[in-house]
Amino acid sequence: MIKSLDDYRQIVGDDALAEIYTQARRLQGRRVLHINSTHQGGGVAEILSSLVPLMNDVGVEADWRILHGTPDFFVITKKFHNALQGGSLNLTDIKRQLYVQTNEAFSTYCHIDADCVIVHDPQPLPLIKFYKKRVPWIWRCHVDLSHPNETLWEFLKTFILRYDVDVIST
């Protein structure tokens, strides 16, 4: 069931909802595109399945796109995930190429028509390389980056530094 902001009135109260609607007025009619790599089964998918309808409910035109990849792509990015949390990784040229090429392929059929793009986690991180950046791009990382694998971190930084804002949480 799709929730509306009003469904939370008894939990947060009238004042909190009024403040949310007041703050949202500045963004009404703006288009925000979220991009991640799965529509279910992960924390980001759980967040977006609630956040996108709530954003639309307050007048922000939110959309959500899913990066498509091969099973090999997802095996590699799972290793990236573990390496970002301190695990070891043999970052071969083949792994780098598959990672980047998957994002490039997705960019050929994913039209971006938004006022802001929010890319969630490392899987779609390289997308920014394949678009003419005309609007703010935000990288939203939900992975613990306290002790990242240095080799992987140096590779990913080449994409991260292209973003206007990075939001990191664990």
Protein backbone atom coordinates (compact mmCIF):
# COMPACT_ATOMS: atom_id res chain seq x y z
CA MET A 1 0.00 0.00 0.00
CA ILE A 2 1.35 3.40 -0.97
CA LYS A 3 1.53 5.72 1.99
CA SER A 4 0.80 9.40 1.98
CA LEU A 5 2.38 11.84 4.37
CA ASP A 6 -0.97 12.23 6.08
CA ASP A 7 -0.80 8.55 7.14
CA TYR A 8 1.90 9.60 9.62
CA ARG A 9 -0.11 12.39 11.26
CA GLN A 10 -0.86 10.40 14.45
CA ILE A 11 2.80 9.48 14.80
CA VAL A 12 4.48 12.85 14.17
CA GLY A 13 1.65 15.30 14.86
CA ASP A 14 0.15 18.24 13.01
CA ASP A 15 3.05 20.62 13.61
CA ALA A 16 5.64 18.29 12.09
CA LEU A 17 3.49 17.69 9.02
CA ALA A 18 2.83 21.40 8.61
CA GLU A 19 6.58 22.05 8.71
CA ILE A 20 7.25 19.35 6.10
CA TYR A 21 4.64 20.83 3.75
CA THR A 22 6.04 24.32 4.34
CA GLN A 23 9.60 23.23 3.54
CA ALA A 24 8.41 21.26 0.50
CA ARG A 25 6.74 24.31 -1.08
CA ARG A 26 10.13 25.56 -2.28
CA LEU A 27 10.58 22.33 -4.23
CA GLN A 28 7.05 21.87 -5.56
CA GLY A 29 7.05 21.14 -9.26
CA ARG A 30 10.75 20.29 -9.26
CA ARG A 31 11.75 16.93 -10.70
CA VAL A 32 14.06 14.64 -8.72
CA LEU A 33 15.36 11.41 -10.20
CA HIS A 34 16.60 8.62 -7.92
CA ILE A 35 18.79 5.88 -9.44
CA ASN A 36 19.83 2.67 -7.73
CA SER A 37 20.42 -0.95 -8.70
CA THR A 38 17.47 -2.88 -7.28
CA HIS A 39 13.75 -2.37 -6.78
CA GLN A 40 13.45 -4.78 -3.87
CA GLY A 41 15.42 -6.71 -1.33
CA GLY A 42 17.80 -4.02 -0.17
CA GLY A 43 17.82 -1.11 2.23
CA VAL A 44 17.92 1.51 -0.53
CA ALA A 45 14.94 -0.07 -2.27
CA GLU A 46 13.04 -0.01 1.02
CA ILE A 47 13.87 3.66 1.50
CA LEU A 48 12.94 4.64 -2.05
CA SER A 49 9.71 2.65 -2.09
CA SER A 50 8.51 4.95 0.70
CA LEU A 51 10.42 8.15 -0.09
CA VAL A 52 9.43 8.52 -3.75
CA PRO A 53 5.65 8.39 -3.09
CA LEU A 54 6.05 10.75 -0.12
CA MET A 55 8.02 13.22 -2.24
CA ASN A 56 5.29 13.09 -4.88
CA ASP A 57 2.68 13.57 -2.15
CA VAL A 58 4.19 16.94 -1.17
CA GLY A 59 4.45 18.14 -4.77
CA VAL A 60 8.02 17.17 -5.65
CA GLU A 61 7.95 15.19 -8.89
CA ALA A 62 10.07 12.20 -7.88
CA ASP A 63 10.96 9.33 -10.17
CA TRP A 64 13.01 6.17 -9.63
CA ARG A 65 15.08 4.27 -12.16
CA ILE A 66 16.80 0.92 -11.71
CA LEU A 67 20.26 0.29 -13.18
CA HIS A 68 20.24 -2.97 -15.13
CA GLY A 69 23.27 -5.22 -15.12
CA THR A 70 24.37 -8.79 -15.71
CA PRO A 71 24.83 -11.29 -12.88
CA ASP A 72 28.61 -10.76 -13.23
CA PHE A 73 28.12 -7.02 -12.70
CA PHE A 74 26.27 -7.67 -9.46
CA VAL A 75 28.87 -10.20 -8.27
CA ILE A 76 31.56 -7.58 -8.84
CA THR A 77 29.65 -4.76 -7.17
CA LYS A 78 28.94 -7.01 -4.17
CA LYS A 79 32.71 -7.43 -3.87
CA PHE A 80 33.03 -3.64 -4.16
CA HIS A 81 30.52 -3.27 -1.33
CA ASN A 82 32.54 -5.58 0.91
CA ALA A 83 35.83 -3.89 -0.06
CA LEU A 84 34.40 -0.46 0.78
CA GLN A 85 33.86 -1.82 4.27
CA GLY A 86 37.47 -2.94 4.57
CA GLY A 87 37.45 -6.26 2.73
CA SER A 88 40.11 -7.28 0.26
CA LEU A 89 39.61 -7.02 -3.48
CA ASN A 90 41.61 -7.93 -6.55
CA LEU A 91 40.53 -5.01 -8.75
CA THR A 92 41.36 -6.28 -12.23
CA ASP A 93 40.97 -4.37 -15.48
CA ILE A 94 38.16 -6.75 -16.44
CA LYS A 95 36.23 -5.87 -13.27
CA ARG A 96 36.76 -2.15 -13.88
CA GLN A 97 35.65 -2.46 -17.50
CA LEU A 98 32.49 -4.42 -16.72
CA TYR A 99 31.57 -1.94 -13.99
CA VAL A 100 32.02 1.11 -16.21
CA GLN A 101 30.59 -0.47 -19.38
CA THR A 102 27.41 -1.54 -17.57
CA ASN A 103 26.84 2.06 -16.53
CA GLU A 104 27.62 3.34 -20.00
CA ALA A 105 25.15 0.89 -21.56
CA PHE A 106 22.44 1.97 -19.12
CA SER A 107 23.06 5.61 -20.00
CA THR A 108 22.20 4.95 -23.65
CA TYR A 109 18.56 4.24 -22.81
CA CYS A 110 17.99 6.11 -19.55
CA HIS A 111 16.89 9.62 -20.39
CA ILE A 112 17.50 12.10 -17.60
CA ASP A 113 14.94 14.88 -17.49
CA ALA A 114 15.11 16.13 -13.93
CA ASP A 115 16.11 19.14 -11.87
CA CYS A 116 18.28 16.97 -9.62
CA VAL A 117 19.71 13.45 -9.90
CA ILE A 118 20.36 11.35 -6.79
CA VAL A 119 22.50 8.26 -7.39
CA HIS A 120 22.36 5.70 -4.60
CA ASP A 121 25.38 3.57 -3.70
CA PRO A 122 28.37 2.48 -5.81
CA GLN A 123 26.62 0.39 -8.49
CA PRO A 124 25.41 3.36 -10.62
CA LEU A 125 28.19 5.73 -9.51
CA PRO A 126 29.90 5.98 -12.96
CA LEU A 127 26.68 7.13 -14.67
CA ILE A 128 27.70 10.75 -14.20
CA LYS A 129 30.55 10.19 -16.65
CA PHE A 130 28.12 9.49 -19.49
CA TYR A 131 25.79 12.49 -19.26
CA LYS A 132 26.22 16.18 -19.91
CA LYS A 133 25.76 17.45 -16.39
CA ARG A 134 23.15 20.21 -16.57
CA VAL A 135 21.61 19.81 -13.12
CA PRO A 136 22.96 18.99 -9.66
CA TRP A 137 24.02 15.38 -9.15
CA ILE A 138 24.13 13.92 -5.65
CA TRP A 139 25.84 10.68 -4.71
CA ARG A 140 24.04 9.11 -1.76
CA CYS A 141 26.19 6.37 -0.24
CA HIS A 142 24.55 4.01 2.23
CA VAL A 143 27.74 1.94 2.72
CA ASP A 144 30.15 2.26 5.66
CA LEU A 145 33.24 3.99 4.27
CA SER A 146 35.23 4.10 7.51
CA HIS A 147 37.97 1.77 6.22
CA PRO A 148 37.67 1.39 2.44
CA ASN A 149 40.00 -0.72 0.36
CA GLU A 150 42.47 1.90 -0.89
CA THR A 151 42.76 0.59 -4.46
CA LEU A 152 39.00 0.53 -4.91
CA TRP A 153 38.59 3.90 -3.21
CA GLU A 154 41.09 5.55 -5.57
CA PHE A 155 39.23 4.07 -8.56
CA LEU A 156 35.79 5.18 -7.32
CA LYS A 157 37.04 8.66 -6.43
CA THR A 158 37.44 9.37 -10.15
CA PHE A 159 33.63 9.25 -10.33
CA ILE A 160 32.79 10.61 -6.87
CA LEU A 161 34.66 13.85 -7.51
CA ARG A 162 32.34 14.64 -10.46
CA TYR A 163 29.32 14.91 -8.15
CA ASP A 164 28.12 18.22 -6.74
CA VAL A 165 27.32 16.73 -3.34
CA ASP A 166 28.15 13.45 -1.59
CA VAL A 167 25.92 12.28 1.24
CA ILE A 168 27.48 9.45 3.24
CA SER A 169 25.75 7.54 6.00
CA THR A 170 26.19 4.20 7.67
